[in-house]
PDB file of N, CA and C in Angstrom:
ATOM      1  N   MET A   1      11.279  -5.195  -7.723  1.00  0.00           N
ATOM      2  CA  MET A   1      10.019  -4.537  -7.455  1.00  0.00           C
ATOM      3  C   MET A   1      10.220  -3.593  -6.266  1.00  0.00           C
ATOM      4  N   GLN A   2       9.942  -2.327  -6.473  1.00  0.00           N
ATOM      5  CA  GLN A   2      10.144  -1.315  -5.440  1.00  0.00           C
ATOM      6  C   GLN A   2       8.878  -0.469  -5.328  1.00  0.00           C
ATOM      7  N   ILE A   3       8.435  -0.265  -4.113  1.00  0.00           N
ATOM      8  CA  ILE A   3       7.228   0.524  -3.857  1.00  0.00           C
ATOM      9  C   ILE A   3       7.624   1.935  -3.459  1.00  0.00           C
ATOM     10  N   SER A   4       6.849   2.902  -3.952  1.00  0.00           N
ATOM     11  CA  SER A   4       7.032   4.293  -3.529  1.00  0.00           C
ATOM     12  C   SER A   4       5.676   4.845  -3.103  1.00  0.00           C
ATOM     13  N   LYS A   5       5.701   5.899  -2.314  1.00  0.00           N
ATOM     14  CA  LYS A   5       4.450   6.408  -1.745  1.00  0.00           C
ATOM     15  C   LYS A   5       3.569   7.127  -2.759  1.00  0.00           C
ATOM     16  N   ASP A   6       4.089   7.423  -3.955  1.00  0.00           N
ATOM     17  CA  ASP A   6       3.253   8.063  -4.971  1.00  0.00           C
ATOM     18  C   ASP A   6       2.532   7.058  -5.870  1.00  0.00           C
ATOM     19  N   MET A   7       2.768   5.760  -5.644  1.00  0.00           N
ATOM     20  CA  MET A   7       2.085   4.733  -6.434  1.00  0.00           C
ATOM     21  C   MET A   7       0.617   4.644  -6.024  1.00  0.00           C
ATOM     22  N   LEU A   8      -0.232   4.305  -6.988  1.00  0.00           N
ATOM     23  CA  LEU A   8      -1.665   4.183  -6.724  1.00  0.00           C
ATOM     24  C   LEU A   8      -1.974   2.846  -6.059  1.00  0.00           C
ATOM     25  N   ILE A   9      -2.980   2.850  -5.192  1.00  0.00           N
ATOM     26  CA  ILE A   9      -3.384   1.629  -4.504  1.00  0.00           C
ATOM     27  C   ILE A   9      -3.743   0.543  -5.519  1.00  0.00           C
ATOM     28  N   GLY A  10      -4.457   0.905  -6.575  1.00  0.00           N
ATOM     29  CA  GLY A  10      -4.830  -0.050  -7.606  1.00  0.00           C
ATOM     30  C   GLY A  10      -3.627  -0.718  -8.246  1.00  0.00           C
ATOM     31  N   GLU A  11      -2.571   0.056  -8.478  1.00  0.00           N
ATOM     32  CA  GLU A  11      -1.324  -0.475  -9.030  1.00  0.00           C
ATOM     33  C   GLU A  11      -0.653  -1.430  -8.056  1.00  0.00           C
ATOM     34  N   LEU A  12      -0.623  -1.014  -6.805  1.00  0.00           N
ATOM     35  CA  LEU A  12       0.068  -1.789  -5.778  1.00  0.00           C
ATOM     36  C   LEU A  12      -0.533  -3.180  -5.604  1.00  0.00           C
ATOM     37  N   VAL A  13      -1.858  -3.253  -5.513  1.00  0.00           N
ATOM     38  CA  VAL A  13      -2.480  -4.559  -5.262  1.00  0.00           C
ATOM     39  C   VAL A  13      -2.314  -5.508  -6.447  1.00  0.00           C
ATOM     40  N   GLN A  14      -2.009  -4.967  -7.620  1.00  0.00           N
ATOM     41  CA  GLN A  14      -1.779  -5.810  -8.790  1.00  0.00           C
ATOM     42  C   GLN A  14      -0.318  -6.231  -8.932  1.00  0.00           C
ATOM     43  N   MET A  15       0.576  -5.586  -8.195  1.00  0.00           N
ATOM     44  CA  MET A  15       2.011  -5.889  -8.303  1.00  0.00           C
ATOM     45  C   MET A  15       2.363  -7.284  -7.798  1.00  0.00           C
ATOM     46  N   HIS A  16       1.826  -7.645  -6.635  1.00  0.00           N
ATOM     47  CA  HIS A  16       2.170  -8.936  -6.029  1.00  0.00           C
ATOM     48  C   HIS A  16       1.070  -9.321  -5.049  1.00  0.00           C
ATOM     49  N   GLU A  17       0.846 -10.606  -4.913  1.00  0.00           N
ATOM     50  CA  GLU A  17      -0.235 -11.106  -4.052  1.00  0.00           C
ATOM     51  C   GLU A  17      -0.056 -10.795  -2.573  1.00  0.00           C
ATOM     52  N   THR A  18       1.141 -10.451  -2.150  1.00  0.00           N
ATOM     53  CA  THR A  18       1.381 -10.166  -0.730  1.00  0.00           C
ATOM     54  C   THR A  18       1.040  -8.721  -0.344  1.00  0.00           C
ATOM     55  N   ILE A  19       0.852  -7.862  -1.329  1.00  0.00           N
ATOM     56  CA  ILE A  19       0.673  -6.438  -1.035  1.00  0.00           C
ATOM     57  C   ILE A  19      -0.679  -6.140  -0.399  1.00  0.00           C
ATOM     58  N   ALA A  20      -1.767  -6.667  -0.945  1.00  0.00           N
ATOM     59  CA  ALA A  20      -3.083  -6.400  -0.356  1.00  0.00           C
ATOM     60  C   ALA A  20      -3.142  -6.819   1.113  1.00  0.00           C
ATOM     61  N   PRO A  21      -2.681  -8.023   1.476  1.00  0.00           N
ATOM     62  CA  PRO A  21      -2.697  -8.386   2.900  1.00  0.00           C
ATOM     63  C   PRO A  21      -1.839  -7.454   3.773  1.00  0.00           C
ATOM     64  N   MET A  22      -0.708  -6.985   3.230  1.00  0.00           N
ATOM     65  CA  MET A  22       0.132  -6.054   4.000  1.00  0.00           C
ATOM     66  C   MET A  22      -0.605  -4.745   4.256  1.00  0.00           C
ATOM     67  N   LEU A  23      -1.293  -4.245   3.226  1.00  0.00           N
ATOM     68  CA  LEU A  23      -2.050  -2.997   3.384  1.00  0.00           C
ATOM     69  C   LEU A  23      -3.198  -3.182   4.374  1.00  0.00           C
ATOM     70  N   MET A  24      -3.856  -4.312   4.306  1.00  0.00           N
ATOM     71  CA  MET A  24      -4.969  -4.573   5.229  1.00  0.00           C
ATOM     72  C   MET A  24      -4.483  -4.687   6.669  1.00  0.00           C
ATOM     73  N   ARG A  25      -3.329  -5.341   6.874  1.00  0.00           N
ATOM     74  CA  ARG A  25      -2.776  -5.429   8.230  1.00  0.00           C
ATOM     75  C   ARG A  25      -2.391  -4.055   8.763  1.00  0.00           C
ATOM     76  N   ALA A  26      -2.028  -3.145   7.861  1.00  0.00           N
ATOM     77  CA  ALA A  26      -1.659  -1.785   8.273  1.00  0.00           C
ATOM     78  C   ALA A  26      -2.884  -0.950   8.635  1.00  0.00           C
ATOM     79  N   GLY A  27      -4.092  -1.430   8.263  1.00  0.00           N
ATOM     80  CA  GLY A  27      -5.316  -0.714   8.607  1.00  0.00           C
ATOM     81  C   GLY A  27      -6.124  -0.231   7.419  1.00  0.00           C
ATOM     82  N   MET A  28      -5.721  -0.582   6.212  1.00  0.00           N
ATOM     83  CA  MET A  28      -6.458  -0.170   5.014  1.00  0.00           C
ATOM     84  C   MET A  28      -7.384  -1.302   4.595  1.00  0.00           C
ATOM     85  N   HIS A  29      -8.603  -1.257   5.091  1.00  0.00           N
ATOM     86  CA  HIS A  29      -9.555  -2.336   4.834  1.00  0.00           C
ATOM     87  C   HIS A  29     -10.485  -2.044   3.660  1.00  0.00           C
ATOM     88  N   CYS A  30     -10.288  -0.932   2.996  1.00  0.00           N
ATOM     89  CA  CYS A  30     -11.200  -0.545   1.909  1.00  0.00           C
ATOM     90  C   CYS A  30     -10.518  -0.652   0.545  1.00  0.00           C
ATOM     91  N   LEU A  31      -9.682  -1.648   0.358  1.00  0.00           N
ATOM     92  CA  LEU A  31      -8.931  -1.787  -0.890  1.00  0.00           C
ATOM     93  C   LEU A  31      -9.821  -2.030  -2.101  1.00  0.00           C
ATOM     94  N   GLY A  32     -10.976  -2.603  -1.900  1.00  0.00           N
ATOM     95  CA  GLY A  32     -11.880  -2.878  -3.008  1.00  0.00           C
ATOM     96  C   GLY A  32     -12.720  -1.687  -3.429  1.00  0.00           C
ATOM     97  N   CYS A  33     -12.709  -0.646  -2.656  1.00  0.00           N
ATOM     98  CA  CYS A  33     -13.494   0.553  -2.954  1.00  0.00           C
ATOM     99  C   CYS A  33     -12.968   1.211  -4.232  1.00  0.00           C
ATOM    100  N   PRO A  34     -13.853   1.539  -5.167  1.00  0.00           N
ATOM    101  CA  PRO A  34     -13.401   2.159  -6.422  1.00  0.00           C
ATOM    102  C   PRO A  34     -12.575   3.426  -6.219  1.00  0.00           C
ATOM    103  N   SER A  35     -12.924   4.241  -5.241  1.00  0.00           N
ATOM    104  CA  SER A  35     -12.153   5.469  -5.039  1.00  0.00           C
ATOM    105  C   SER A  35     -10.774   5.186  -4.465  1.00  0.00           C
ATOM    106  N   ALA A  36     -10.628   4.101  -3.706  1.00  0.00           N
ATOM    107  CA  ALA A  36      -9.325   3.745  -3.143  1.00  0.00           C
ATOM    108  C   ALA A  36      -8.352   3.351  -4.247  1.00  0.00           C
ATOM    109  N   GLN A  37      -8.849   2.796  -5.318  1.00  0.00           N
ATOM    110  CA  GLN A  37      -7.996   2.335  -6.410  1.00  0.00           C
ATOM    111  C   GLN A  37      -7.203   3.469  -7.052  1.00  0.00           C
ATOM    112  N   SER A  38      -7.752   4.687  -7.026  1.00  0.00           N
ATOM    113  CA  SER A  38      -7.078   5.815  -7.670  1.00  0.00           C
ATOM    114  C   SER A  38      -6.366   6.731  -6.679  1.00  0.00           C
ATOM    115  N   GLU A  39      -6.310   6.329  -5.407  1.00  0.00           N
ATOM    116  CA  GLU A  39      -5.566   7.089  -4.400  1.00  0.00           C
ATOM    117  C   GLU A  39      -4.116   6.657  -4.399  1.00  0.00           C
ATOM    118  N   SER A  40      -3.237   7.596  -4.119  1.00  0.00           N
ATOM    119  CA  SER A  40      -1.833   7.213  -3.945  1.00  0.00           C
ATOM    120  C   SER A  40      -1.694   6.573  -2.564  1.00  0.00           C
ATOM    121  N   LEU A  41      -0.618   5.828  -2.385  1.00  0.00           N
ATOM    122  CA  LEU A  41      -0.357   5.209  -1.088  1.00  0.00           C
ATOM    123  C   LEU A  41      -0.224   6.291  -0.022  1.00  0.00           C
ATOM    124  N   GLU A  42       0.402   7.393  -0.371  1.00  0.00           N
ATOM    125  CA  GLU A  42       0.572   8.496   0.582  1.00  0.00           C
ATOM    126  C   GLU A  42      -0.777   9.081   1.002  1.00  0.00           C
ATOM    127  N   GLU A  43      -1.682   9.275   0.046  1.00  0.00           N
ATOM    128  CA  GLU A  43      -3.014   9.794   0.360  1.00  0.00           C
ATOM    129  C   GLU A  43      -3.787   8.828   1.250  1.00  0.00           C
ATOM    130  N   ALA A  44      -3.717   7.549   0.920  1.00  0.00           N
ATOM    131  CA  ALA A  44      -4.417   6.535   1.714  1.00  0.00           C
ATOM    132  C   ALA A  44      -3.863   6.484   3.135  1.00  0.00           C
ATOM    133  N   CYS A  45      -2.568   6.596   3.269  1.00  0.00           N
ATOM    134  CA  CYS A  45      -1.953   6.602   4.604  1.00  0.00           C
ATOM    135  C   CYS A  45      -2.420   7.806   5.415  1.00  0.00           C
ATOM    136  N   MET A  46      -2.506   8.966   4.764  1.00  0.00           N
ATOM    137  CA  MET A  46      -2.978  10.168   5.463  1.00  0.00           C
ATOM    138  C   MET A  46      -4.392   9.967   5.986  1.00  0.00           C
ATOM    139  N   VAL A  47      -5.269   9.430   5.148  1.00  0.00           N
ATOM    140  CA  VAL A  47      -6.665   9.211   5.512  1.00  0.00           C
ATOM    141  C   VAL A  47      -6.786   8.241   6.691  1.00  0.00           C
ATOM    142  N   HIS A  48      -5.903   7.226   6.712  1.00  0.00           N
ATOM    143  CA  HIS A  48      -5.978   6.192   7.742  1.00  0.00           C
ATOM    144  C   HIS A  48      -5.050   6.430   8.928  1.00  0.00           C
ATOM    145  N   GLY A  49      -4.325   7.557   8.935  1.00  0.00           N
ATOM    146  CA  GLY A  49      -3.437   7.871  10.046  1.00  0.00           C
ATOM    147  C   GLY A  49      -2.245   6.931  10.161  1.00  0.00           C
ATOM    148  N   ILE A  50      -1.706   6.517   9.021  1.00  0.00           N
ATOM    149  CA  ILE A  50      -0.592   5.575   8.975  1.00  0.00           C
ATOM    150  C   ILE A  50       0.666   6.310   8.530  1.00  0.00           C
ATOM    151  N   ASP A  51       1.794   6.023   9.171  1.00  0.00           N
ATOM    152  CA  ASP A  51       3.076   6.610   8.765  1.00  0.00           C
ATOM    153  C   ASP A  51       3.491   5.971   7.437  1.00  0.00           C
ATOM    154  N   CYS A  52       3.420   6.734   6.369  1.00  0.00           N
ATOM    155  CA  CYS A  52       3.650   6.212   5.023  1.00  0.00           C
ATOM    156  C   CYS A  52       5.093   5.769   4.827  1.00  0.00           C
ATOM    157  N   ASP A  53       6.051   6.535   5.323  1.00  0.00           N
ATOM    158  CA  ASP A  53       7.455   6.172   5.136  1.00  0.00           C
ATOM    159  C   ASP A  53       7.772   4.826   5.785  1.00  0.00           C
ATOM    160  N   THR A  54       7.232   4.596   6.972  1.00  0.00           N
ATOM    161  CA  THR A  54       7.452   3.325   7.664  1.00  0.00           C
ATOM    162  C   THR A  54       6.791   2.184   6.906  1.00  0.00           C
ATOM    163  N   LEU A  55       5.567   2.405   6.439  1.00  0.00           N
ATOM    164  CA  LEU A  55       4.858   1.370   5.691  1.00  0.00           C
ATOM    165  C   LEU A  55       5.604   1.013   4.414  1.00  0.00           C
ATOM    166  N   VAL A  56       6.045   2.016   3.670  1.00  0.00           N
ATOM    167  CA  VAL A  56       6.782   1.778   2.423  1.00  0.00           C
ATOM    168  C   VAL A  56       8.066   0.998   2.709  1.00  0.00           C
ATOM    169  N   ALA A  57       8.795   1.397   3.736  1.00  0.00           N
ATOM    170  CA  ALA A  57      10.038   0.700   4.087  1.00  0.00           C
ATOM    171  C   ALA A  57       9.767  -0.758   4.443  1.00  0.00           C
ATOM    172  N   ASN A  58       8.732  -0.993   5.237  1.00  0.00           N
ATOM    173  CA  ASN A  58       8.395  -2.364   5.636  1.00  0.00           C
ATOM    174  C   ASN A  58       7.965  -3.210   4.440  1.00  0.00           C
ATOM    175  N   MET A  59       7.149  -2.627   3.583  1.00  0.00           N
ATOM    176  CA  MET A  59       6.683  -3.363   2.411  1.00  0.00           C
ATOM    177  C   MET A  59       7.846  -3.686   1.464  1.00  0.00           C
ATOM    178  N   ASN A  60       8.749  -2.727   1.253  1.00  0.00           N
ATOM    179  CA  ASN A  60       9.896  -2.970   0.388  1.00  0.00           C
ATOM    180  C   ASN A  60      10.821  -4.026   0.981  1.00  0.00           C
ATOM    181  N   GLN A  61      10.930  -4.045   2.289  1.00  0.00           N
ATOM    182  CA  GLN A  61      11.752  -5.060   2.960  1.00  0.00           C
ATOM    183  C   GLN A  61      11.172  -6.454   2.721  1.00  0.00           C
ATOM    184  N   VAL A  62       9.863  -6.579   2.866  1.00  0.00           N
ATOM    185  CA  VAL A  62       9.199  -7.873   2.636  1.00  0.00           C
ATOM    186  C   VAL A  62       9.365  -8.299   1.180  1.00  0.00           C
ATOM    187  N   LEU A  63       9.145  -7.386   0.257  1.00  0.00           N
ATOM    188  CA  LEU A  63       9.239  -7.724  -1.166  1.00  0.00           C
ATOM    189  C   LEU A  63      10.661  -8.095  -1.564  1.00  0.00           C
ATOM    190  N   ALA A  64      11.641  -7.457  -0.966  1.00  0.00           N
ATOM    191  CA  ALA A  64      13.039  -7.763  -1.277  1.00  0.00           C
ATOM    192  C   ALA A  64      13.412  -9.174  -0.849  1.00  0.00           C
ATOM    193  N   ALA A  65      12.736  -9.671   0.172  1.00  0.00           N
ATOM    194  CA  ALA A  65      13.024 -11.020   0.680  1.00  0.00           C
ATOM    195  C   ALA A  65      12.366 -12.121  -0.137  1.00  0.00           C
ATOM    196  N   LEU A  66      11.465 -11.756  -1.033  1.00  0.00           N
ATOM    197  CA  LEU A  66      10.753 -12.769  -1.835  1.00  0.00           C
ATOM    198  C   LEU A  66      11.615 -13.299  -2.963  1.00  0.00           C
TER     199      LEU A  66
END
């Protein structure tokens, strides 16, 4: 399982149970919002002022350890 910044938030939260908590810890608290579901991870990071490359790397590191 590998995450990329062009993946949609809706897709990501369905991939694995650890992803939603990781996104929320990063500052994305609106995961349940219908419009958030169709945003890419990169778009969501821009809106929330989060470095997307760092987030993707951290998330992939966590998932690789599972």
